[in-house]
Amino acid sequence: MANLQIKDCPDDVYERLQTAARVAGRSVAEQALLFLERGIEERGAGAERRRILIHRLRSREPNSSLQELDAVALIREDRDA
């Protein structure tokens, strides 16, 4: 198994990690590993969600009512109100 060393960790980050580890009954190393795993999983899940959303948006038919809107007329309407 590989080892990981983090240099120049800000004190406040280390203190929060240490507190989380203490509350969970883990060592600082175990807690750091857990946070890393969760972060990597969430990032992957977020990327997958974005891919699905982009696919859905691209596969939708354009909304014809939006294409008929005249931006200049809308701006004038707001100014005159």
PDB file of N, CA and C in Angstrom:
ATOM      1  N   MET A   1       0.836  -1.171   0.000  1.00  0.00           N
ATOM      2  CA  MET A   1       0.000   0.000   0.000  1.00  0.00           C
ATOM      3  C   MET A   1       0.887   1.242   0.000  1.00  0.00           C
ATOM      4  N   ALA A   2       0.437   2.281  -0.697  1.00  0.00           N
ATOM      5  CA  ALA A   2       1.223   3.508  -0.826  1.00  0.00           C
ATOM      6  C   ALA A   2       1.100   4.377   0.418  1.00  0.00           C
ATOM      7  N   ASN A   3       2.092   5.233   0.609  1.00  0.00           N
ATOM      8  CA  ASN A   3       2.073   6.210   1.695  1.00  0.00           C
ATOM      9  C   ASN A   3       1.870   7.594   1.102  1.00  0.00           C
ATOM     10  N   LEU A   4       1.253   8.474   1.870  1.00  0.00           N
ATOM     11  CA  LEU A   4       0.994   9.835   1.428  1.00  0.00           C
ATOM     12  C   LEU A   4       1.433  10.790   2.523  1.00  0.00           C
ATOM     13  N   GLN A   5       2.189  11.808   2.129  1.00  0.00           N
ATOM     14  CA  GLN A   5       2.612  12.830   3.081  1.00  0.00           C
ATOM     15  C   GLN A   5       2.138  14.174   2.555  1.00  0.00           C
ATOM     16  N   ILE A   6       1.543  14.972   3.414  1.00  0.00           N
ATOM     17  CA  ILE A   6       1.061  16.291   3.021  1.00  0.00           C
ATOM     18  C   ILE A   6       1.910  17.330   3.738  1.00  0.00           C
ATOM     19  N   LYS A   7       2.597  18.143   2.963  1.00  0.00           N
ATOM     20  CA  LYS A   7       3.454  19.178   3.535  1.00  0.00           C
ATOM     21  C   LYS A   7       2.712  20.505   3.558  1.00  0.00           C
ATOM     22  N   ASP A   8       3.069  21.339   4.504  1.00  0.00           N
ATOM     23  CA  ASP A   8       2.526  22.693   4.632  1.00  0.00           C
ATOM     24  C   ASP A   8       1.006  22.711   4.748  1.00  0.00           C
ATOM     25  N   CYS A   9       0.479  21.797   5.520  1.00  0.00           N
ATOM     26  CA  CYS A   9      -0.962  21.765   5.779  1.00  0.00           C
ATOM     27  C   CYS A   9      -1.295  22.929   6.715  1.00  0.00           C
ATOM     28  N   PRO A  10      -2.240  23.784   6.334  1.00  0.00           N
ATOM     29  CA  PRO A  10      -2.602  24.900   7.218  1.00  0.00           C
ATOM     30  C   PRO A  10      -3.079  24.388   8.577  1.00  0.00           C
ATOM     31  N   ASP A  11      -2.709  25.116   9.625  1.00  0.00           N
ATOM     32  CA  ASP A  11      -3.045  24.694  10.985  1.00  0.00           C
ATOM     33  C   ASP A  11      -4.542  24.499  11.181  1.00  0.00           C
ATOM     34  N   ASP A  12      -5.354  25.407  10.633  1.00  0.00           N
ATOM     35  CA  ASP A  12      -6.798  25.288  10.835  1.00  0.00           C
ATOM     36  C   ASP A  12      -7.369  24.044  10.156  1.00  0.00           C
ATOM     37  N   VAL A  13      -6.817  23.679   9.015  1.00  0.00           N
ATOM     38  CA  VAL A  13      -7.270  22.465   8.319  1.00  0.00           C
ATOM     39  C   VAL A  13      -6.904  21.239   9.141  1.00  0.00           C
ATOM     40  N   TYR A  14      -5.670  21.216   9.655  1.00  0.00           N
ATOM     41  CA  TYR A  14      -5.244  20.076  10.466  1.00  0.00           C
ATOM     42  C   TYR A  14      -6.076  19.964  11.743  1.00  0.00           C
ATOM     43  N   GLU A  15      -6.369  21.108  12.351  1.00  0.00           N
ATOM     44  CA  GLU A  15      -7.174  21.086  13.584  1.00  0.00           C
ATOM     45  C   GLU A  15      -8.581  20.550  13.319  1.00  0.00           C
ATOM     46  N   ARG A  16      -9.180  20.945  12.197  1.00  0.00           N
ATOM     47  CA  ARG A  16     -10.517  20.428  11.858  1.00  0.00           C
ATOM     48  C   ARG A  16     -10.461  18.936  11.574  1.00  0.00           C
ATOM     49  N   LEU A  17      -9.405  18.504  10.903  1.00  0.00           N
ATOM     50  CA  LEU A  17      -9.219  17.075  10.632  1.00  0.00           C
ATOM     51  C   LEU A  17      -9.041  16.308  11.934  1.00  0.00           C
ATOM     52  N   GLN A  18      -8.241  16.850  12.816  1.00  0.00           N
ATOM     53  CA  GLN A  18      -7.988  16.224  14.111  1.00  0.00           C
ATOM     54  C   GLN A  18      -9.280  16.134  14.935  1.00  0.00           C
ATOM     55  N   THR A  19     -10.077  17.181  14.918  1.00  0.00           N
ATOM     56  CA  THR A  19     -11.352  17.180  15.646  1.00  0.00           C
ATOM     57  C   THR A  19     -12.306  16.144  15.066  1.00  0.00           C
ATOM     58  N   ALA A  20     -12.410  16.106  13.742  1.00  0.00           N
ATOM     59  CA  ALA A  20     -13.291  15.124  13.094  1.00  0.00           C
ATOM     60  C   ALA A  20     -12.851  13.705  13.421  1.00  0.00           C
ATOM     61  N   ALA A  21     -11.552  13.477  13.442  1.00  0.00           N
ATOM     62  CA  ALA A  21     -11.026  12.150  13.764  1.00  0.00           C
ATOM     63  C   ALA A  21     -11.358  11.774  15.204  1.00  0.00           C
ATOM     64  N   ARG A  22     -11.170  12.708  16.108  1.00  0.00           N
ATOM     65  CA  ARG A  22     -11.447  12.445  17.521  1.00  0.00           C
ATOM     66  C   ARG A  22     -12.930  12.115  17.727  1.00  0.00           C
ATOM     67  N   VAL A  23     -13.810  12.908  17.123  1.00  0.00           N
ATOM     68  CA  VAL A  23     -15.254  12.696  17.262  1.00  0.00           C
ATOM     69  C   VAL A  23     -15.663  11.335  16.700  1.00  0.00           C
ATOM     70  N   ALA A  24     -15.040  10.926  15.595  1.00  0.00           N
ATOM     71  CA  ALA A  24     -15.388   9.662  14.944  1.00  0.00           C
ATOM     72  C   ALA A  24     -14.647   8.466  15.532  1.00  0.00           C
ATOM     73  N   GLY A  25     -13.709   8.725  16.438  1.00  0.00           N
ATOM     74  CA  GLY A  25     -12.943   7.631  17.030  1.00  0.00           C
ATOM     75  C   GLY A  25     -11.934   7.030  16.069  1.00  0.00           C
ATOM     76  N   ARG A  26     -11.387   7.873  15.202  1.00  0.00           N
ATOM     77  CA  ARG A  26     -10.395   7.415  14.227  1.00  0.00           C
ATOM     78  C   ARG A  26      -9.080   8.146  14.458  1.00  0.00           C
ATOM     79  N   SER A  27      -8.041   7.613  13.840  1.00  0.00           N
ATOM     80  CA  SER A  27      -6.773   8.338  13.835  1.00  0.00           C
ATOM     81  C   SER A  27      -6.875   9.445  12.783  1.00  0.00           C
ATOM     82  N   VAL A  28      -5.965  10.399  12.861  1.00  0.00           N
ATOM     83  CA  VAL A  28      -5.944  11.480  11.883  1.00  0.00           C
ATOM     84  C   VAL A  28      -5.727  10.907  10.486  1.00  0.00           C
ATOM     85  N   ALA A  29      -4.852   9.929  10.353  1.00  0.00           N
ATOM     86  CA  ALA A  29      -4.586   9.311   9.052  1.00  0.00           C
ATOM     87  C   ALA A  29      -5.832   8.612   8.509  1.00  0.00           C
ATOM     88  N   GLU A  30      -6.547   7.893   9.369  1.00  0.00           N
ATOM     89  CA  GLU A  30      -7.774   7.212   8.930  1.00  0.00           C
ATOM     90  C   GLU A  30      -8.827   8.223   8.482  1.00  0.00           C
ATOM     91  N   GLN A  31      -8.948   9.303   9.230  1.00  0.00           N
ATOM     92  CA  GLN A  31      -9.934  10.328   8.886  1.00  0.00           C
ATOM     93  C   GLN A  31      -9.556  11.017   7.582  1.00  0.00           C
ATOM     94  N   ALA A  32      -8.284  11.322   7.400  1.00  0.00           N
ATOM     95  CA  ALA A  32      -7.831  11.958   6.161  1.00  0.00           C
ATOM     96  C   ALA A  32      -8.109  11.055   4.963  1.00  0.00           C
ATOM     97  N   LEU A  33      -7.850   9.770   5.110  1.00  0.00           N
ATOM     98  CA  LEU A  33      -8.110   8.819   4.031  1.00  0.00           C
ATOM     99  C   LEU A  33      -9.601   8.762   3.706  1.00  0.00           C
ATOM    100  N   LEU A  34     -10.426   8.758   4.735  1.00  0.00           N
ATOM    101  CA  LEU A  34     -11.873   8.742   4.531  1.00  0.00           C
ATOM    102  C   LEU A  34     -12.323   9.989   3.771  1.00  0.00           C
ATOM    103  N   PHE A  35     -11.827  11.156   4.172  1.00  0.00           N
ATOM    104  CA  PHE A  35     -12.180  12.395   3.481  1.00  0.00           C
ATOM    105  C   PHE A  35     -11.714  12.373   2.024  1.00  0.00           C
ATOM    106  N   LEU A  36     -10.517  11.856   1.782  1.00  0.00           N
ATOM    107  CA  LEU A  36     -10.015  11.757   0.410  1.00  0.00           C
ATOM    108  C   LEU A  36     -10.905  10.853  -0.435  1.00  0.00           C
ATOM    109  N   GLU A  37     -11.253   9.695   0.116  1.00  0.00           N
ATOM    110  CA  GLU A  37     -12.105   8.755  -0.621  1.00  0.00           C
ATOM    111  C   GLU A  37     -13.451   9.389  -0.947  1.00  0.00           C
ATOM    112  N   ARG A  38     -14.056  10.041   0.029  1.00  0.00           N
ATOM    113  CA  ARG A  38     -15.363  10.682  -0.194  1.00  0.00           C
ATOM    114  C   ARG A  38     -15.262  11.786  -1.239  1.00  0.00           C
ATOM    115  N   GLY A  39     -14.216  12.577  -1.150  1.00  0.00           N
ATOM    116  CA  GLY A  39     -14.034  13.660  -2.114  1.00  0.00           C
ATOM    117  C   GLY A  39     -13.872  13.150  -3.530  1.00  0.00           C
ATOM    118  N   ILE A  40     -13.113  12.085  -3.689  1.00  0.00           N
ATOM    119  CA  ILE A  40     -12.910  11.506  -5.015  1.00  0.00           C
ATOM    120  C   ILE A  40     -14.210  10.912  -5.536  1.00  0.00           C
ATOM    121  N   GLU A  41     -14.960  10.231  -4.673  1.00  0.00           N
ATOM    122  CA  GLU A  41     -16.241   9.650  -5.084  1.00  0.00           C
ATOM    123  C   GLU A  41     -17.224  10.739  -5.487  1.00  0.00           C
ATOM    124  N   GLU A  42     -17.311  11.808  -4.694  1.00  0.00           N
ATOM    125  CA  GLU A  42     -18.244  12.894  -4.994  1.00  0.00           C
ATOM    126  C   GLU A  42     -17.877  13.587  -6.295  1.00  0.00           C
ATOM    127  N   ARG A  43     -16.594  13.750  -6.530  1.00  0.00           N
ATOM    128  CA  ARG A  43     -16.162  14.401  -7.769  1.00  0.00           C
ATOM    129  C   ARG A  43     -16.554  13.559  -8.970  1.00  0.00           C
ATOM    130  N   GLY A  44     -16.356  12.255  -8.866  1.00  0.00           N
ATOM    131  CA  GLY A  44     -16.747  11.359  -9.958  1.00  0.00           C
ATOM    132  C   GLY A  44     -18.243  11.356 -10.167  1.00  0.00           C
ATOM    133  N   ALA A  45     -18.997  11.342  -9.072  1.00  0.00           N
ATOM    134  CA  ALA A  45     -20.459  11.348  -9.169  1.00  0.00           C
ATOM    135  C   ALA A  45     -20.944  12.665  -9.759  1.00  0.00           C
ATOM    136  N   GLY A  46     -20.310  13.758  -9.387  1.00  0.00           N
ATOM    137  CA  GLY A  46     -20.685  15.060  -9.931  1.00  0.00           C
ATOM    138  C   GLY A  46     -20.437  15.138 -11.428  1.00  0.00           C
ATOM    139  N   ALA A  47     -19.318  14.593 -11.867  1.00  0.00           N
ATOM    140  CA  ALA A  47     -19.009  14.588 -13.295  1.00  0.00           C
ATOM    141  C   ALA A  47     -20.032  13.758 -14.060  1.00  0.00           C
ATOM    142  N   GLU A  48     -20.431  12.637 -13.497  1.00  0.00           N
ATOM    143  CA  GLU A  48     -21.434  11.788 -14.149  1.00  0.00           C
ATOM    144  C   GLU A  48     -22.779  12.505 -14.215  1.00  0.00           C
ATOM    145  N   ARG A  49     -23.153  13.180 -13.150  1.00  0.00           N
ATOM    146  CA  ARG A  49     -24.412  13.944 -13.161  1.00  0.00           C
ATOM    147  C   ARG A  49     -24.379  15.028 -14.236  1.00  0.00           C
ATOM    148  N   ARG A  50     -23.239  15.709 -14.371  1.00  0.00           N
ATOM    149  CA  ARG A  50     -23.116  16.742 -15.398  1.00  0.00           C
ATOM    150  C   ARG A  50     -23.236  16.145 -16.794  1.00  0.00           C
ATOM    151  N   ARG A  51     -22.607  14.987 -17.023  1.00  0.00           N
ATOM    152  CA  ARG A  51     -22.700  14.336 -18.333  1.00  0.00           C
ATOM    153  C   ARG A  51     -24.152  13.991 -18.668  1.00  0.00           C
ATOM    154  N   ILE A  52     -24.877  13.461 -17.689  1.00  0.00           N
ATOM    155  CA  ILE A  52     -26.282  13.104 -17.905  1.00  0.00           C
ATOM    156  C   ILE A  52     -27.105  14.351 -18.211  1.00  0.00           C
ATOM    157  N   LEU A  53     -26.904  15.408 -17.442  1.00  0.00           N
ATOM    158  CA  LEU A  53     -27.650  16.644 -17.648  1.00  0.00           C
ATOM    159  C   LEU A  53     -27.361  17.239 -19.020  1.00  0.00           C
ATOM    160  N   ILE A  54     -26.112  17.278 -19.412  1.00  0.00           N
ATOM    161  CA  ILE A  54     -25.746  17.810 -20.728  1.00  0.00           C
ATOM    162  C   ILE A  54     -26.394  16.987 -21.828  1.00  0.00           C
ATOM    163  N   HIS A  55     -26.379  15.678 -21.686  1.00  0.00           N
ATOM    164  CA  HIS A  55     -27.016  14.807 -22.678  1.00  0.00           C
ATOM    165  C   HIS A  55     -28.508  15.111 -22.776  1.00  0.00           C
ATOM    166  N   ARG A  56     -29.168  15.256 -21.634  1.00  0.00           N
ATOM    167  CA  ARG A  56     -30.605  15.565 -21.632  1.00  0.00           C
ATOM    168  C   ARG A  56     -30.883  16.908 -22.301  1.00  0.00           C
ATOM    169  N   LEU A  57     -30.068  17.905 -21.975  1.00  0.00           N
ATOM    170  CA  LEU A  57     -30.281  19.227 -22.558  1.00  0.00           C
ATOM    171  C   LEU A  57     -30.064  19.221 -24.065  1.00  0.00           C
ATOM    172  N   ARG A  58     -29.045  18.521 -24.515  1.00  0.00           N
ATOM    173  CA  ARG A  58     -28.763  18.474 -25.953  1.00  0.00           C
ATOM    174  C   ARG A  58     -29.821  17.699 -26.724  1.00  0.00           C
ATOM    175  N   SER A  59     -30.456  16.744 -26.075  1.00  0.00           N
ATOM    176  CA  SER A  59     -31.445  15.921 -26.773  1.00  0.00           C
ATOM    177  C   SER A  59     -32.832  16.568 -26.800  1.00  0.00           C
ATOM    178  N   ARG A  60     -33.031  17.648 -26.079  1.00  0.00           N
ATOM    179  CA  ARG A  60     -34.335  18.324 -26.053  1.00  0.00           C
ATOM    180  C   ARG A  60     -34.560  19.102 -27.340  1.00  0.00           C
ATOM    181  N   GLU A  61     -35.830  19.192 -27.715  1.00  0.00           N
ATOM    182  CA  GLU A  61     -36.215  20.012 -28.860  1.00  0.00           C
ATOM    183  C   GLU A  61     -36.139  21.483 -28.449  1.00  0.00           C
ATOM    184  N   PRO A  62     -35.709  22.331 -29.358  1.00  0.00           N
ATOM    185  CA  PRO A  62     -35.687  23.759 -29.025  1.00  0.00           C
ATOM    186  C   PRO A  62     -37.102  24.255 -28.747  1.00  0.00           C
ATOM    187  N   ASN A  63     -37.217  25.167 -27.831  1.00  0.00           N
ATOM    188  CA  ASN A  63     -38.509  25.738 -27.469  1.00  0.00           C
ATOM    189  C   ASN A  63     -38.825  26.856 -28.460  1.00  0.00           C
ATOM    190  N   SER A  64     -39.799  26.615 -29.324  1.00  0.00           N
ATOM    191  CA  SER A  64     -40.107  27.580 -30.381  1.00  0.00           C
ATOM    192  C   SER A  64     -40.576  28.917 -29.819  1.00  0.00           C
ATOM    193  N   SER A  65     -41.262  28.922 -28.686  1.00  0.00           N
ATOM    194  CA  SER A  65     -41.729  30.188 -28.122  1.00  0.00           C
ATOM    195  C   SER A  65     -40.564  31.074 -27.696  1.00  0.00           C
ATOM    196  N   LEU A  66     -39.472  30.464 -27.286  1.00  0.00           N
ATOM    197  CA  LEU A  66     -38.301  31.256 -26.911  1.00  0.00           C
ATOM    198  C   LEU A  66     -37.633  31.853 -28.136  1.00  0.00           C
ATOM    199  N   GLN A  67     -37.676  31.148 -29.241  1.00  0.00           N
ATOM    200  CA  GLN A  67     -37.043  31.648 -30.462  1.00  0.00           C
ATOM    201  C   GLN A  67     -37.792  32.848 -31.027  1.00  0.00           C
ATOM    202  N   GLU A  68     -39.082  32.968 -30.724  1.00  0.00           N
ATOM    203  CA  GLU A  68     -39.901  34.041 -31.268  1.00  0.00           C
ATOM    204  C   GLU A  68     -39.785  35.335 -30.464  1.00  0.00           C
ATOM    205  N   LEU A  69     -39.135  35.295 -29.325  1.00  0.00           N
ATOM    206  CA  LEU A  69     -39.017  36.491 -28.496  1.00  0.00           C
ATOM    207  C   LEU A  69     -38.097  37.502 -29.164  1.00  0.00           C
ATOM    208  N   ASP A  70     -38.481  38.760 -29.113  1.00  0.00           N
ATOM    209  CA  ASP A  70     -37.684  39.845 -29.671  1.00  0.00           C
ATOM    210  C   ASP A  70     -37.018  40.573 -28.507  1.00  0.00           C
ATOM    211  N   ALA A  71     -35.726  40.421 -28.384  1.00  0.00           N
ATOM    212  CA  ALA A  71     -35.000  40.995 -27.255  1.00  0.00           C
ATOM    213  C   ALA A  71     -35.139  42.514 -27.216  1.00  0.00           C
ATOM    214  N   VAL A  72     -35.079  43.155 -28.375  1.00  0.00           N
ATOM    215  CA  VAL A  72     -35.177  44.614 -28.427  1.00  0.00           C
ATOM    216  C   VAL A  72     -36.540  45.067 -27.913  1.00  0.00           C
ATOM    217  N   ALA A  73     -37.590  44.380 -28.343  1.00  0.00           N
ATOM    218  CA  ALA A  73     -38.939  44.732 -27.901  1.00  0.00           C
ATOM    219  C   ALA A  73     -39.083  44.534 -26.395  1.00  0.00           C
ATOM    220  N   LEU A  74     -38.499  43.473 -25.868  1.00  0.00           N
ATOM    221  CA  LEU A  74     -38.579  43.217 -24.428  1.00  0.00           C
ATOM    222  C   LEU A  74     -37.862  44.298 -23.626  1.00  0.00           C
ATOM    223  N   ILE A  75     -36.711  44.734 -24.110  1.00  0.00           N
ATOM    224  CA  ILE A  75     -35.958  45.786 -23.420  1.00  0.00           C
ATOM    225  C   ILE A  75     -36.743  47.094 -23.449  1.00  0.00           C
ATOM    226  N   ARG A  76     -37.316  47.418 -24.614  1.00  0.00           N
ATOM    227  CA  ARG A  76     -38.120  48.646 -24.717  1.00  0.00           C
ATOM    228  C   ARG A  76     -39.311  48.594 -23.775  1.00  0.00           C
ATOM    229  N   GLU A  77     -39.945  47.429 -23.715  1.00  0.00           N
ATOM    230  CA  GLU A  77     -41.102  47.259 -22.831  1.00  0.00           C
ATOM    231  C   GLU A  77     -40.721  47.516 -21.380  1.00  0.00           C
ATOM    232  N   ASP A  78     -39.550  47.005 -20.957  1.00  0.00           N
ATOM    233  CA  ASP A  78     -39.087  47.228 -19.581  1.00  0.00           C
ATOM    234  C   ASP A  78     -38.771  48.702 -19.334  1.00  0.00           C
ATOM    235  N   ARG A  79     -38.181  49.359 -20.317  1.00  0.00           N
ATOM    236  CA  ARG A  79     -37.831  50.776 -20.152  1.00  0.00           C
ATOM    237  C   ARG A  79     -39.073  51.647 -20.045  1.00  0.00           C
ATOM    238  N   ASP A  80     -40.075  51.316 -20.836  1.00  0.00           N
ATOM    239  CA  ASP A  80     -41.299  52.116 -20.871  1.00  0.00           C
ATOM    240  C   ASP A  80     -42.185  51.889 -19.655  1.00  0.00           C
ATOM    241  N   ALA A  81     -41.957  50.809 -18.942  1.00  0.00           N
ATOM    242  CA  ALA A  81     -42.824  50.476 -17.799  1.00  0.00           C
ATOM    243  C   ALA A  81     -42.556  51.360 -16.604  1.00  0.00           C
TER     244      ALA A  81
END
